[in-house]
């Protein structure tokens, strides 16, 4: 993205182009074509026992009518002189408001908070921020190992819970089967009784018919 603007330069020796072509001190009407500059940073902050590494992409552009002041006070490499320190301080301040899990689950909120604070800080140096985005979020080896161990422990606990619940369910099923068997004794007993009664009745019929 480019911005074209006009400005009156009183001390032209602050801008390299005018220093070479126009002299040191007079009013000059000029047209500048300034592109936004992309900057990538990897900053480290401390979240309790977790070492957090945050990759940040920042798109900057100098405030048009403050360009002479920027060159006079900060020089041509104003981004390199300003951004690293304010980014590190901002990230450290924002990260301290969240725990490790929140940094992961609320990444968009963290990014918005970082952008808000950075925009305010950069404005003090006449630098505008067109975009701020978190490109990476990683934790130290010890913290990562602890998270993995916690996940494994959680899985083991869930598995143990399932085993206990299954054992309890099997126990309840066995009790129910026993109760059903007690209330309704053995089907074979009923079958034997029925067959005995049937045989007696049949014997009576045969006797009456004179067949026995």
C-alpha atoms as a PDB file:
ATOM      1  CA  UNK A   1       0.000   0.000   0.000  1.00  0.00           C
ATOM      2  CA  UNK A   2       1.318   3.412  -0.905  1.00  0.00           C
ATOM      3  CA  UNK A   3       0.483   6.840   0.329  1.00  0.00           C
ATOM      4  CA  UNK A   4       1.188  10.034  -1.606  1.00  0.00           C
ATOM      5  CA  UNK A   5       1.293  13.269   0.299  1.00  0.00           C
ATOM      6  CA  UNK A   6       2.671  16.760   0.067  1.00  0.00           C
ATOM      7  CA  UNK A   7       4.666  18.494   2.767  1.00  0.00           C
ATOM      8  CA  UNK A   8       6.682  21.620   3.382  1.00  0.00           C
ATOM      9  CA  UNK A   9      10.215  20.783   4.474  1.00  0.00           C
ATOM     10  CA  UNK A  10      11.965  23.552   6.356  1.00  0.00           C
ATOM     11  CA  UNK A  11      15.117  21.682   7.330  1.00  0.00           C
ATOM     12  CA  UNK A  12      15.708  19.595   4.252  1.00  0.00           C
ATOM     13  CA  UNK A  13      19.028  18.211   5.468  1.00  0.00           C
ATOM     14  CA  UNK A  14      16.959  15.768   7.600  1.00  0.00           C
ATOM     15  CA  UNK A  15      15.764  13.962   4.468  1.00  0.00           C
ATOM     16  CA  UNK A  16      18.601  12.310   2.493  1.00  0.00           C
ATOM     17  CA  UNK A  17      17.112  13.057  -0.918  1.00  0.00           C
ATOM     18  CA  UNK A  18      16.738  16.783  -0.256  1.00  0.00           C
ATOM     19  CA  UNK A  19      20.097  16.962   1.490  1.00  0.00           C
ATOM     20  CA  UNK A  20      21.759  15.857  -1.714  1.00  0.00           C
ATOM     21  CA  UNK A  21      19.761  17.993  -4.145  1.00  0.00           C
ATOM     22  CA  UNK A  22      18.494  21.135  -2.480  1.00  0.00           C
ATOM     23  CA  UNK A  23      20.723  22.436   0.287  1.00  0.00           C
ATOM     24  CA  UNK A  24      20.284  22.688   4.020  1.00  0.00           C
ATOM     25  CA  UNK A  25      17.579  25.152   5.093  1.00  0.00           C
ATOM     26  CA  UNK A  26      14.674  26.540   3.081  1.00  0.00           C
ATOM     27  CA  UNK A  27      11.042  25.824   2.256  1.00  0.00           C
ATOM     28  CA  UNK A  28      10.559  23.153  -0.356  1.00  0.00           C
ATOM     29  CA  UNK A  29       7.390  21.688  -1.845  1.00  0.00           C
ATOM     30  CA  UNK A  30       7.771  17.987  -2.514  1.00  0.00           C
ATOM     31  CA  UNK A  31       5.806  14.845  -3.284  1.00  0.00           C
ATOM     32  CA  UNK A  32       6.687  11.642  -1.429  1.00  0.00           C
ATOM     33  CA  UNK A  33       5.679   8.099  -2.276  1.00  0.00           C
ATOM     34  CA  UNK A  34       5.972   6.008   0.907  1.00  0.00           C
ATOM     35  CA  UNK A  35       5.149   2.268   0.949  1.00  0.00           C
ATOM     36  CA  UNK A  36       4.155   0.402   4.087  1.00  0.00           C
ATOM     37  CA  UNK A  37       6.969  -1.721   5.447  1.00  0.00           C
ATOM     38  CA  UNK A  38       6.508  -5.248   6.722  1.00  0.00           C
ATOM     39  CA  UNK A  39       8.509  -6.269   9.782  1.00  0.00           C
ATOM     40  CA  UNK A  40       8.678  -9.688  11.442  1.00  0.00           C
ATOM     41  CA  UNK A  41       9.738 -10.196  15.047  1.00  0.00           C
ATOM     42  CA  UNK A  42      10.231 -13.169  17.350  1.00  0.00           C
ATOM     43  CA  UNK A  43       9.835 -12.138  20.955  1.00  0.00           C
ATOM     44  CA  UNK A  44      10.087 -14.129  24.172  1.00  0.00           C
ATOM     45  CA  UNK A  45       8.001 -13.603  27.285  1.00  0.00           C
ATOM     46  CA  UNK A  46       7.525 -15.449  30.556  1.00  0.00           C
ATOM     47  CA  UNK A  47       4.136 -16.864  31.531  1.00  0.00           C
ATOM     48  CA  UNK A  48       4.524 -18.336  35.021  1.00  0.00           C
ATOM     49  CA  UNK A  49       6.794 -21.366  34.472  1.00  0.00           C
ATOM     50  CA  UNK A  50       6.200 -21.404  30.724  1.00  0.00           C
ATOM     51  CA  UNK A  51       8.629 -19.814  28.306  1.00  0.00           C
ATOM     52  CA  UNK A  52       6.495 -18.401  25.511  1.00  0.00           C
ATOM     53  CA  UNK A  53       7.817 -17.555  22.057  1.00  0.00           C
ATOM     54  CA  UNK A  54       5.563 -15.320  19.985  1.00  0.00           C
ATOM     55  CA  UNK A  55       6.126 -14.506  16.329  1.00  0.00           C
ATOM     56  CA  UNK A  56       4.644 -11.154  15.327  1.00  0.00           C
ATOM     57  CA  UNK A  57       4.184  -9.547  11.907  1.00  0.00           C
ATOM     58  CA  UNK A  58       3.878  -5.753  11.909  1.00  0.00           C
ATOM     59  CA  UNK A  59       3.060  -3.573   8.883  1.00  0.00           C
ATOM     60  CA  UNK A  60       4.178   0.026   9.500  1.00  0.00           C
ATOM     61  CA  UNK A  61       4.172   3.365   7.753  1.00  0.00           C
ATOM     62  CA  UNK A  62       5.494   6.751   8.959  1.00  0.00           C
ATOM     63  CA  UNK A  63       2.903   9.424   9.673  1.00  0.00           C
ATOM     64  CA  UNK A  64       3.108  11.547   6.475  1.00  0.00           C
ATOM     65  CA  UNK A  65       3.280  15.035   7.919  1.00  0.00           C
ATOM     66  CA  UNK A  66       5.761  13.933  10.609  1.00  0.00           C
ATOM     67  CA  UNK A  67       8.406  12.550   8.278  1.00  0.00           C
ATOM     68  CA  UNK A  68      10.894  15.400   8.897  1.00  0.00           C
ATOM     69  CA  UNK A  69      10.573  14.882  12.655  1.00  0.00           C
ATOM     70  CA  UNK A  70      11.062  11.131  12.265  1.00  0.00           C
ATOM     71  CA  UNK A  71      14.264  11.574  10.259  1.00  0.00           C
ATOM     72  CA  UNK A  72      15.548  14.251  12.617  1.00  0.00           C
ATOM     73  CA  UNK A  73      14.938  12.314  15.833  1.00  0.00           C
ATOM     74  CA  UNK A  74      15.214   8.675  14.773  1.00  0.00           C
ATOM     75  CA  UNK A  75      17.028   8.609  11.455  1.00  0.00           C
ATOM     76  CA  UNK A  76      16.341   6.489   8.395  1.00  0.00           C
ATOM     77  CA  UNK A  77      16.220   3.215  10.328  1.00  0.00           C
ATOM     78  CA  UNK A  78      13.444   4.395  12.625  1.00  0.00           C
ATOM     79  CA  UNK A  79      11.691   0.999  12.545  1.00  0.00           C
ATOM     80  CA  UNK A  80      14.771  -0.846  13.778  1.00  0.00           C
ATOM     81  CA  UNK A  81      15.292   1.676  16.547  1.00  0.00           C
ATOM     82  CA  UNK A  82      11.711   1.752  17.816  1.00  0.00           C
ATOM     83  CA  UNK A  83       9.820  -1.468  17.093  1.00  0.00           C
ATOM     84  CA  UNK A  84      11.903  -4.174  18.833  1.00  0.00           C
ATOM     85  CA  UNK A  85      11.749  -2.546  22.255  1.00  0.00           C
ATOM     86  CA  UNK A  86       8.073  -1.534  22.228  1.00  0.00           C
ATOM     87  CA  UNK A  87       7.034  -4.914  20.795  1.00  0.00           C
ATOM     88  CA  UNK A  88       8.911  -6.854  23.470  1.00  0.00           C
ATOM     89  CA  UNK A  89       7.492  -4.669  26.255  1.00  0.00           C
ATOM     90  CA  UNK A  90       3.967  -4.908  24.842  1.00  0.00           C
ATOM     91  CA  UNK A  91       4.046  -8.673  24.435  1.00  0.00           C
ATOM     92  CA  UNK A  92       5.390  -9.114  27.951  1.00  0.00           C
ATOM     93  CA  UNK A  93       2.610  -6.916  29.360  1.00  0.00           C
ATOM     94  CA  UNK A  94      -0.154  -8.678  27.405  1.00  0.00           C
ATOM     95  CA  UNK A  95       1.085 -12.222  28.048  1.00  0.00           C
ATOM     96  CA  UNK A  96       1.122 -11.594  31.797  1.00  0.00           C
ATOM     97  CA  UNK A  97      -2.679 -11.190  31.674  1.00  0.00           C
ATOM     98  CA  UNK A  98      -3.251 -14.713  30.335  1.00  0.00           C
ATOM     99  CA  UNK A  99      -2.267 -18.210  31.375  1.00  0.00           C
ATOM    100  CA  UNK A 100      -0.826 -20.704  28.901  1.00  0.00           C
ATOM    101  CA  UNK A 101      -4.118 -22.321  27.903  1.00  0.00           C
ATOM    102  CA  UNK A 102      -5.786 -18.922  27.414  1.00  0.00           C
ATOM    103  CA  UNK A 103      -2.966 -17.814  25.123  1.00  0.00           C
ATOM    104  CA  UNK A 104      -3.883 -20.744  22.877  1.00  0.00           C
ATOM    105  CA  UNK A 105      -7.676 -20.621  23.074  1.00  0.00           C
ATOM    106  CA  UNK A 106      -7.961 -16.802  23.071  1.00  0.00           C
ATOM    107  CA  UNK A 107      -5.329 -16.076  20.454  1.00  0.00           C
ATOM    108  CA  UNK A 108      -7.520 -13.553  18.594  1.00  0.00           C
ATOM    109  CA  UNK A 109      -8.180 -11.600  21.786  1.00  0.00           C
ATOM    110  CA  UNK A 110      -4.452 -11.568  22.543  1.00  0.00           C
ATOM    111  CA  UNK A 111      -3.726 -10.310  19.023  1.00  0.00           C
ATOM    112  CA  UNK A 112      -6.286  -7.490  19.341  1.00  0.00           C
ATOM    113  CA  UNK A 113      -4.848  -6.407  22.695  1.00  0.00           C
ATOM    114  CA  UNK A 114      -1.306  -6.415  21.295  1.00  0.00           C
ATOM    115  CA  UNK A 115      -2.392  -4.344  18.295  1.00  0.00           C
ATOM    116  CA  UNK A 116      -4.219  -1.816  20.483  1.00  0.00           C
ATOM    117  CA  UNK A 117      -1.245  -1.208  22.767  1.00  0.00           C
ATOM    118  CA  UNK A 118       1.331  -1.239  19.964  1.00  0.00           C
ATOM    119  CA  UNK A 119      -0.678   1.279  17.954  1.00  0.00           C
ATOM    120  CA  UNK A 120      -0.710   3.652  20.921  1.00  0.00           C
ATOM    121  CA  UNK A 121       3.010   3.138  21.621  1.00  0.00           C
ATOM    122  CA  UNK A 122       4.063   3.554  17.990  1.00  0.00           C
ATOM    123  CA  UNK A 123       2.009   6.735  17.636  1.00  0.00           C
ATOM    124  CA  UNK A 124       4.332   8.363  20.186  1.00  0.00           C
ATOM    125  CA  UNK A 125       7.099   7.972  17.603  1.00  0.00           C
ATOM    126  CA  UNK A 126       4.909   9.111  14.666  1.00  0.00           C
ATOM    127  CA  UNK A 127       4.718   5.587  13.266  1.00  0.00           C
ATOM    128  CA  UNK A 128       1.382   4.203  12.066  1.00  0.00           C
ATOM    129  CA  UNK A 129       0.553   0.490  12.167  1.00  0.00           C
ATOM    130  CA  UNK A 130      -1.457  -0.831   9.235  1.00  0.00           C
ATOM    131  CA  UNK A 131      -1.549  -4.409  10.497  1.00  0.00           C
ATOM    132  CA  UNK A 132      -0.450  -6.494  13.487  1.00  0.00           C
ATOM    133  CA  UNK A 133      -0.844 -10.273  13.566  1.00  0.00           C
ATOM    134  CA  UNK A 134       0.529 -13.184  15.591  1.00  0.00           C
ATOM    135  CA  UNK A 135       2.237 -15.608  13.211  1.00  0.00           C
ATOM    136  CA  UNK A 136       3.396 -18.224  15.727  1.00  0.00           C
ATOM    137  CA  UNK A 137       2.921 -19.188  19.352  1.00  0.00           C
ATOM    138  CA  UNK A 138       5.169 -21.828  20.930  1.00  0.00           C
ATOM    139  CA  UNK A 139       6.214 -22.832  24.417  1.00  0.00           C
ATOM    140  CA  UNK A 140       9.484 -23.988  25.931  1.00  0.00           C
ATOM    141  CA  UNK A 141      10.464 -27.673  25.930  1.00  0.00           C
ATOM    142  CA  UNK A 142       9.845 -28.188  29.641  1.00  0.00           C
ATOM    143  CA  UNK A 143       6.389 -26.668  29.491  1.00  0.00           C
ATOM    144  CA  UNK A 144       5.506 -28.594  26.318  1.00  0.00           C
ATOM    145  CA  UNK A 145       6.649 -31.847  27.956  1.00  0.00           C
ATOM    146  CA  UNK A 146       4.539 -31.045  31.023  1.00  0.00           C
ATOM    147  CA  UNK A 147       1.480 -30.408  28.841  1.00  0.00           C
ATOM    148  CA  UNK A 148       1.986 -33.710  27.004  1.00  0.00           C
ATOM    149  CA  UNK A 149       2.424 -35.576  30.316  1.00  0.00           C
ATOM    150  CA  UNK A 150      -0.769 -33.963  31.602  1.00  0.00           C
ATOM    151  CA  UNK A 151      -2.645 -35.049  28.486  1.00  0.00           C
ATOM    152  CA  UNK A 152      -1.385 -38.633  28.863  1.00  0.00           C
ATOM    153  CA  UNK A 153      -2.390 -38.643  32.544  1.00  0.00           C
ATOM    154  CA  UNK A 154      -5.840 -37.356  31.609  1.00  0.00           C
ATOM    155  CA  UNK A 155      -6.235 -40.128  29.034  1.00  0.00           C
ATOM    156  CA  UNK A 156      -5.144 -42.758  31.564  1.00  0.00           C
ATOM    157  CA  UNK A 157      -7.585 -41.375  34.140  1.00  0.00           C
ATOM    158  CA  UNK A 158     -10.393 -41.488  31.580  1.00  0.00           C
ATOM    159  CA  UNK A 159      -9.510 -45.077  30.710  1.00  0.00           C
ATOM    160  CA  UNK A 160      -9.468 -46.078  34.396  1.00  0.00           C
ATOM    161  CA  UNK A 161     -12.829 -44.381  34.896  1.00  0.00           C
ATOM    162  CA  UNK A 162     -14.263 -46.382  31.996  1.00  0.00           C
ATOM    163  CA  UNK A 163     -12.959 -49.655  33.474  1.00  0.00           C
ATOM    164  CA  UNK A 164     -14.508 -48.863  36.875  1.00  0.00           C
ATOM    165  CA  UNK A 165     -17.851 -47.905  35.318  1.00  0.00           C
ATOM    166  CA  UNK A 166     -17.886 -51.116  33.248  1.00  0.00           C
ATOM    167  CA  UNK A 167     -17.134 -53.234  36.333  1.00  0.00           C
ATOM    168  CA  UNK A 168     -19.971 -51.535  38.228  1.00  0.00           C
ATOM    169  CA  UNK A 169     -22.321 -52.072  35.311  1.00  0.00           C
ATOM    170  CA  UNK A 170     -21.387 -55.776  35.131  1.00  0.00           C
ATOM    171  CA  UNK A 171     -21.983 -56.058  38.877  1.00  0.00           C
ATOM    172  CA  UNK A 172     -25.420 -54.460  38.588  1.00  0.00           C
ATOM    173  CA  UNK A 173     -26.288 -56.775  35.695  1.00  0.00           C
ATOM    174  CA  UNK A 174     -25.295 -59.830  37.751  1.00  0.00           C
ATOM    175  CA  UNK A 175     -27.450 -58.666  40.681  1.00  0.00           C
ATOM    176  CA  UNK A 176     -30.435 -58.090  38.399  1.00  0.00           C
ATOM    177  CA  UNK A 177     -30.056 -61.539  36.850  1.00  0.00           C
ATOM    178  CA  UNK A 178     -29.901 -63.095  40.332  1.00  0.00           C
ATOM    179  CA  UNK A 179     -33.038 -61.239  41.446  1.00  0.00           C
ATOM    180  CA  UNK A 180     -34.930 -62.308  38.347  1.00  0.00           C
ATOM    181  CA  UNK A 181     -33.890 -65.949  38.935  1.00  0.00           C
ATOM    182  CA  UNK A 182     -35.079 -65.768  42.558  1.00  0.00           C
ATOM    183  CA  UNK A 183     -38.516 -64.329  41.748  1.00  0.00           C
ATOM    184  CA  UNK A 184     -39.129 -66.648  38.812  1.00  0.00           C
ATOM    185  CA  UNK A 185     -37.457 -69.920  39.790  1.00  0.00           C
ATOM    186  CA  UNK A 186     -36.213 -72.242  37.137  1.00  0.00           C
ATOM    187  CA  UNK A 187     -38.253 -72.686  34.020  1.00  0.00           C
ATOM    188  CA  UNK A 188     -37.248 -76.371  34.007  1.00  0.00           C
ATOM    189  CA  UNK A 189     -39.061 -76.878  37.316  1.00  0.00           C
ATOM    190  CA  UNK A 190     -42.272 -75.532  35.828  1.00  0.00           C
ATOM    191  CA  UNK A 191     -41.828 -77.749  32.799  1.00  0.00           C
ATOM    192  CA  UNK A 192     -41.362 -80.845  35.020  1.00  0.00           C
ATOM    193  CA  UNK A 193     -44.446 -80.005  37.075  1.00  0.00           C
ATOM    194  CA  UNK A 194     -46.506 -79.473  33.948  1.00  0.00           C
ATOM    195  CA  UNK A 195     -45.390 -82.787  32.437  1.00  0.00           C
ATOM    196  CA  UNK A 196     -46.186 -84.639  35.678  1.00  0.00           C
ATOM    197  CA  UNK A 197     -49.706 -83.183  35.823  1.00  0.00           C
ATOM    198  CA  UNK A 198     -50.238 -83.974  32.167  1.00  0.00           C
ATOM    199  CA  UNK A 199     -49.183 -87.592  32.694  1.00  0.00           C
ATOM    200  CA  UNK A 200     -51.545 -88.010  35.672  1.00  0.00           C
ATOM    201  CA  UNK A 201     -54.485 -86.627  33.710  1.00  0.00           C
ATOM    202  CA  UNK A 202     -53.707 -88.865  30.792  1.00  0.00           C
ATOM    203  CA  UNK A 203     -53.487 -91.919  33.087  1.00  0.00           C
ATOM    204  CA  UNK A 204     -56.934 -91.133  34.436  1.00  0.00           C
ATOM    205  CA  UNK A 205     -58.375 -90.987  30.956  1.00  0.00           C
ATOM    206  CA  UNK A 206     -56.828 -94.289  29.982  1.00  0.00           C
ATOM    207  CA  UNK A 207     -58.144 -95.960  33.158  1.00  0.00           C
ATOM    208  CA  UNK A 208     -61.651 -94.737  32.491  1.00  0.00           C
ATOM    209  CA  UNK A 209     -61.431 -96.040  28.966  1.00  0.00           C
ATOM    210  CA  UNK A 210     -60.365 -99.439  30.251  1.00  0.00           C
ATOM    211  CA  UNK A 211     -57.112 -99.326  28.424  1.00  0.00           C
ATOM    212  CA  UNK A 212     -55.027 -99.787  31.562  1.00  0.00           C
END
